[in-house]
Amino acid sequence: MIYLNCEVKSGLGEDTFWTWFEREFPGCSFEEPTILNDDDILIRYSTLGFLPVVGKQVAYCLELYPQMGDFFGLNQWDTVLQKVYQTARYATYRVVATPASIKDYSRFGSVNVIPIGVNTDLYRPMSDKRALRQKYNLPSHREIGIWIGTCHPMKGYDLLLRYAAEHPDIHWIVIWKWEKEALPMQGASNFIQIPQQQIAELINCADFFLSTNKLNSYFMAEWEAMACDIPFRILETTPREFYPSDHPRQDVFQYGWDRLSAKRQWENFLTARGVSW
């Protein structure tokens, strides 16, 4: 049995890692087990803290709080970091999404890298940009940039505003994940809490994706944009783990961020540890 412990399985009805994993590995349970048999494993989101149950546990360390602490030099994330490090310290295994995170957890033991996995069937290049722009009432003869994020300081909304002011001829698509964190941008086409299919279409409406991420690792929205093969413009505040090529969709497959590659890596990881599903 594979037990999955997450903060939110799917907050907006989107197909997340958790819903995808449950579908690809049938028989998973979202319960907190009171006992783990020899062929069981618990995959626990690190921010939940360690679950004191004997057996094989994976600390799933996806959040970038260590990078945020290093970049901003603030202690406001110390409480959640204590839980993250507790999970990493006492779990049997540690899994991160990118090699850039290995250093943050290696002091607790070995660290495995398994990318989250992008739905490359949904996030893909779409051919008729003009029709898509008409669908969303976007200008057909202007350069369009797209930005996706929240008002969290690591997302770099301040850098978007600065870049937009320096390039007044660009029309912007701005997509906000949460209504409570939305700061609609004046003069832009703003979208809040929209379905994944619409996000993929809007990415394909744009001429480029503006990356204002202030951390070393890429966010999921950036990987999804790469899968759409859209050019990137990066406002760099810290060196990135790599820089997208002229065809970023190829990078998604090269780095194993497609879901098929991610599934194979999880299968290998679980099989090597005697887990049945």
Protein backbone atom coordinates (compact mmCIF):
# COMPACT_ATOMS: atom_id res chain seq x y z
CA MET A 1 0.00 0.00 0.00
CA ILE A 2 1.11 3.53 -0.80
CA TYR A 3 -0.12 6.19 1.60
CA LEU A 4 -0.23 9.78 0.36
CA ASN A 5 -0.24 12.64 2.86
CA CYS A 6 -0.61 16.11 1.33
CA GLU A 7 -1.66 19.56 2.47
CA VAL A 8 -4.22 19.93 -0.34
CA LYS A 9 -5.06 17.19 -2.81
CA SER A 10 -6.53 19.60 -5.38
CA GLY A 11 -7.48 23.06 -4.18
CA LEU A 12 -9.05 24.29 -7.43
CA GLY A 13 -10.08 20.99 -8.97
CA GLU A 14 -6.87 20.90 -10.98
CA ASP A 15 -4.98 17.71 -11.81
CA THR A 16 -2.14 17.92 -9.30
CA PHE A 17 0.75 15.60 -8.54
CA TRP A 18 -1.46 13.91 -5.93
CA THR A 19 -4.43 13.25 -8.21
CA TRP A 20 -2.08 12.09 -10.96
CA PHE A 21 -0.18 9.76 -8.61
CA GLU A 22 -3.42 8.26 -7.28
CA ARG A 23 -4.54 7.59 -10.85
CA GLU A 24 -1.24 6.07 -11.98
CA PHE A 25 -0.75 3.95 -8.86
CA PRO A 26 -4.25 2.56 -8.11
CA GLY A 27 -5.05 1.59 -4.56
CA CYS A 28 -3.32 4.53 -2.90
CA SER A 29 -4.81 5.84 0.33
CA PHE A 30 -4.88 9.41 1.60
CA GLU A 31 -5.27 8.25 5.19
CA GLU A 32 -2.65 8.69 7.90
CA PRO A 33 -1.71 5.10 8.73
CA THR A 34 -1.34 3.85 12.30
CA ILE A 35 0.90 1.02 11.13
CA LEU A 36 3.08 0.41 8.07
CA ASN A 37 3.68 -3.13 6.87
CA ASP A 38 6.95 -4.18 5.22
CA ASP A 39 5.59 -3.60 1.71
CA ASP A 40 3.90 -0.27 2.58
CA ILE A 41 5.30 3.22 2.18
CA LEU A 42 4.13 6.68 3.21
CA ILE A 43 4.82 9.66 0.93
CA ARG A 44 4.37 12.67 3.22
CA TYR A 45 4.49 16.32 2.21
CA SER A 46 7.32 17.71 4.27
CA THR A 47 5.44 20.74 5.63
CA LEU A 48 3.14 18.40 7.58
CA GLY A 49 5.92 17.32 9.92
CA PHE A 50 7.03 13.78 10.65
CA LEU A 51 4.35 11.17 11.37
CA PRO A 52 5.54 9.01 14.31
CA VAL A 53 4.75 5.63 12.77
CA VAL A 54 7.32 2.87 12.34
CA GLY A 55 7.94 1.94 8.71
CA LYS A 56 9.15 3.31 5.39
CA GLN A 57 8.41 7.02 5.00
CA VAL A 58 9.32 9.47 2.25
CA ALA A 59 9.77 13.12 3.10
CA TYR A 60 8.46 14.79 -0.05
CA CYS A 61 10.41 18.06 0.03
CA LEU A 62 8.97 20.25 -2.72
CA GLU A 63 8.59 23.61 -1.02
CA LEU A 64 11.43 26.06 -1.59
CA TYR A 65 11.54 27.55 1.91
CA PRO A 66 15.30 26.91 2.29
CA GLN A 67 15.96 28.86 -0.93
CA MET A 68 13.61 31.63 0.20
CA GLY A 69 15.38 31.93 3.53
CA ASP A 70 18.76 32.15 1.83
CA PHE A 71 17.62 34.71 -0.75
CA PHE A 72 15.59 37.06 1.44
CA GLY A 73 17.56 36.61 4.66
CA LEU A 74 14.35 36.53 6.67
CA ASN A 75 13.19 34.24 9.48
CA GLN A 76 9.45 34.45 8.79
CA TRP A 77 9.41 30.90 7.42
CA ASP A 78 11.26 29.39 10.40
CA THR A 79 8.16 27.75 11.88
CA VAL A 80 7.28 25.84 8.74
CA LEU A 81 10.96 25.11 8.11
CA GLN A 82 11.16 23.37 11.48
CA LYS A 83 8.42 20.99 10.34
CA VAL A 84 10.07 20.48 6.95
CA TYR A 85 13.41 19.65 8.51
CA GLN A 86 11.78 17.41 11.10
CA THR A 87 10.15 15.40 8.32
CA ALA A 88 13.41 15.22 6.38
CA ARG A 89 15.42 14.23 9.46
CA TYR A 90 13.27 11.35 10.65
CA ALA A 91 11.91 9.98 7.36
CA THR A 92 13.52 6.92 5.83
CA TYR A 93 13.96 8.65 2.46
CA ARG A 94 13.99 12.16 1.10
CA VAL A 95 12.70 13.10 -2.37
CA VAL A 96 13.12 16.50 -4.04
CA ALA A 97 12.05 17.69 -7.47
CA THR A 98 15.32 19.17 -8.65
CA PRO A 99 19.07 18.71 -8.07
CA ALA A 100 19.19 22.31 -6.81
CA SER A 101 17.39 21.16 -3.64
CA ILE A 102 19.76 18.32 -2.74
CA LYS A 103 22.04 20.59 -0.71
CA ASP A 104 19.11 21.70 1.46
CA TYR A 105 18.45 18.18 2.77
CA SER A 106 21.62 16.12 2.31
CA ARG A 107 22.63 16.59 5.96
CA PHE A 108 19.67 14.39 6.91
CA GLY A 109 20.71 11.47 4.68
CA SER A 110 20.57 10.47 1.04
CA VAL A 111 18.34 12.52 -1.27
CA ASN A 112 16.57 11.25 -4.39
CA VAL A 113 15.58 13.55 -7.26
CA ILE A 114 12.24 12.79 -8.94
CA PRO A 115 10.69 15.67 -10.95
CA ILE A 116 7.04 16.46 -10.25
CA GLY A 117 5.96 15.79 -13.82
CA VAL A 118 4.23 18.16 -16.25
CA ASN A 119 1.12 17.14 -18.16
CA THR A 120 2.68 17.57 -21.61
CA ASP A 121 -0.57 16.50 -23.30
CA LEU A 122 -2.39 19.47 -21.78
CA TYR A 123 0.51 21.93 -21.81
CA ARG A 124 1.59 21.78 -25.44
CA PRO A 125 2.09 24.08 -28.42
CA MET A 126 -1.15 25.12 -30.14
CA SER A 127 -1.01 26.24 -33.74
CA ASP A 128 -3.71 28.90 -34.21
CA LYS A 129 -2.52 31.84 -32.11
CA ARG A 130 -4.86 34.29 -33.89
CA ALA A 131 -7.96 32.25 -33.08
CA LEU A 132 -6.90 31.86 -29.47
CA ARG A 133 -6.37 35.61 -29.14
CA GLN A 134 -9.82 36.25 -30.57
CA LYS A 135 -11.30 33.77 -28.09
CA TYR A 136 -9.87 35.73 -25.14
CA ASN A 137 -10.38 39.19 -26.67
CA LEU A 138 -6.66 39.88 -26.89
CA PRO A 139 -4.99 42.26 -29.36
CA SER A 140 -3.97 40.50 -32.58
CA HIS A 141 -1.20 42.88 -33.69
CA ARG A 142 0.64 43.64 -30.45
CA GLU A 143 3.40 41.78 -28.71
CA ILE A 144 1.94 39.89 -25.76
CA GLY A 145 3.77 38.70 -22.68
CA ILE A 146 2.38 36.38 -20.03
CA TRP A 147 3.08 36.24 -16.30
CA ILE A 148 1.69 33.66 -13.85
CA GLY A 149 1.96 33.82 -10.09
CA THR A 150 0.86 35.21 -6.74
CA CYS A 151 1.80 38.24 -4.68
CA HIS A 152 4.32 36.19 -2.70
CA PRO A 153 7.67 38.02 -2.83
CA MET A 154 9.46 35.04 -4.39
CA LYS A 155 7.20 35.29 -7.47
CA GLY A 156 8.54 38.73 -8.44
CA TYR A 157 5.37 40.65 -9.23
CA ASP A 158 7.35 43.84 -8.55
CA LEU A 159 9.70 42.91 -11.39
CA LEU A 160 6.77 42.43 -13.76
CA LEU A 161 5.49 45.92 -12.97
CA ARG A 162 8.93 47.41 -13.54
CA TYR A 163 9.43 45.56 -16.83
CA ALA A 164 5.95 46.52 -18.04
CA ALA A 165 6.64 50.19 -17.28
CA GLU A 166 9.87 49.97 -19.28
CA HIS A 167 8.08 48.31 -22.23
CA PRO A 168 4.73 50.12 -22.59
CA ASP A 169 4.03 48.64 -26.04
CA ILE A 170 3.63 45.10 -24.66
CA HIS A 171 0.18 43.84 -23.74
CA TRP A 172 0.12 41.53 -20.72
CA ILE A 173 -1.75 38.40 -19.77
CA VAL A 174 -1.59 38.08 -15.99
CA ILE A 175 -2.86 34.89 -14.35
CA TRP A 176 -3.39 34.74 -10.60
CA LYS A 177 -3.68 31.42 -8.80
CA TRP A 178 -5.63 32.67 -5.77
CA GLU A 179 -8.30 35.36 -5.64
CA LYS A 180 -7.17 36.46 -2.17
CA GLU A 181 -3.65 37.10 -3.53
CA ALA A 182 -4.63 38.74 -6.80
CA LEU A 183 -3.40 42.24 -7.52
CA PRO A 184 -4.94 42.91 -10.95
CA MET A 185 -2.55 44.81 -13.16
CA GLN A 186 -3.89 47.96 -14.77
CA GLY A 187 -4.18 47.75 -18.55
CA ALA A 188 -3.52 44.02 -18.64
CA SER A 189 -5.82 41.08 -19.32
CA ASN A 190 -6.19 39.63 -15.82
CA PHE A 191 -7.40 36.10 -15.07
CA ILE A 192 -8.01 34.62 -11.62
CA GLN A 193 -8.41 30.95 -10.65
CA ILE A 194 -9.03 29.67 -14.15
CA PRO A 195 -8.97 26.01 -15.29
CA GLN A 196 -5.74 24.43 -16.49
CA GLN A 197 -7.01 24.16 -20.07
CA GLN A 198 -7.51 27.92 -20.21
CA ILE A 199 -4.06 28.50 -18.74
CA ALA A 200 -2.54 26.36 -21.50
CA GLU A 201 -4.47 28.28 -24.14
CA LEU A 202 -3.46 31.65 -22.72
CA ILE A 203 0.20 30.64 -22.66
CA ASN A 204 -0.17 29.87 -26.36
CA CYS A 205 -1.69 33.31 -26.94
CA ALA A 206 1.51 34.99 -25.79
CA ASP A 207 4.75 35.72 -27.62
CA PHE A 208 6.88 35.10 -24.53
CA PHE A 209 6.75 34.08 -20.88
CA LEU A 210 8.20 36.56 -18.39
CA SER A 211 10.03 34.74 -15.59
CA THR A 212 10.47 36.95 -12.54
CA ASN A 213 11.14 34.05 -10.18
CA LYS A 214 13.67 35.14 -7.55
CA LEU A 215 14.88 31.64 -6.70
CA ASN A 216 17.28 29.16 -8.27
CA SER A 217 14.66 26.51 -9.09
CA TYR A 218 11.76 26.95 -11.49
CA PHE A 219 8.15 27.00 -10.35
CA MET A 220 5.56 24.60 -11.76
CA ALA A 221 3.97 27.35 -13.87
CA GLU A 222 7.33 27.90 -15.55
CA TRP A 223 7.71 24.20 -16.37
CA GLU A 224 4.18 24.22 -17.81
CA ALA A 225 5.04 27.22 -19.95
CA MET A 226 8.18 25.43 -21.16
CA ALA A 227 6.00 22.47 -22.17
CA CYS A 228 4.03 24.87 -24.38
CA ASP A 229 7.34 25.69 -26.13
CA ILE A 230 6.98 29.41 -25.53
CA PRO A 231 10.11 31.63 -25.51
CA PHE A 232 11.31 32.77 -22.08
CA ARG A 233 12.50 36.17 -20.92
CA ILE A 234 14.17 35.89 -17.55
CA LEU A 235 14.62 38.81 -15.19
CA GLU A 236 17.41 37.26 -13.22
CA THR A 237 17.91 38.08 -9.56
CA THR A 238 19.76 34.84 -8.79
CA PRO A 239 21.43 32.29 -11.10
CA ARG A 240 19.00 29.65 -12.39
CA GLU A 241 19.71 25.93 -12.35
CA PHE A 242 19.57 26.02 -16.16
CA TYR A 243 18.33 28.36 -18.87
CA PRO A 244 15.57 27.32 -21.29
CA SER A 245 16.69 26.72 -24.85
CA ASP A 246 15.03 28.16 -27.95
CA HIS A 247 12.63 25.21 -27.74
CA PRO A 248 11.88 24.80 -24.02
CA ARG A 249 9.55 21.84 -24.58
CA GLN A 250 12.63 19.79 -25.44
CA ASP A 251 14.12 20.81 -22.08
CA VAL A 252 11.08 19.39 -20.27
CA PHE A 253 11.78 15.95 -21.73
CA GLN A 254 15.54 16.28 -21.39
CA TYR A 255 15.27 16.93 -17.65
CA GLY A 256 12.61 14.24 -17.14
CA TRP A 257 9.81 16.60 -16.19
CA ASP A 258 7.22 14.91 -18.39
CA ARG A 259 4.80 12.65 -16.53
CA LEU A 260 5.84 9.46 -18.29
CA SER A 261 9.44 9.94 -17.15
CA ALA A 262 8.29 10.87 -13.64
CA LYS A 263 6.16 7.73 -13.41
CA ARG A 264 9.06 5.52 -14.46
CA GLN A 265 11.28 7.09 -11.81
CA TRP A 266 8.65 6.53 -9.11
CA GLU A 267 8.20 2.94 -10.24
CA ASN A 268 11.94 2.33 -9.98
CA PHE A 269 12.11 4.07 -6.60
CA LEU A 270 9.22 2.08 -5.12
CA THR A 271 10.27 -1.28 -6.59
CA ALA A 272 13.80 -0.91 -5.24
CA ARG A 273 12.31 -0.45 -1.75
CA GLY A 274 10.02 -3.46 -1.87
CA VAL A 275 6.77 -1.54 -2.14
CA SER A 276 3.74 -3.17 -3.75
CA TRP A 277 0.83 -1.38 -5.37
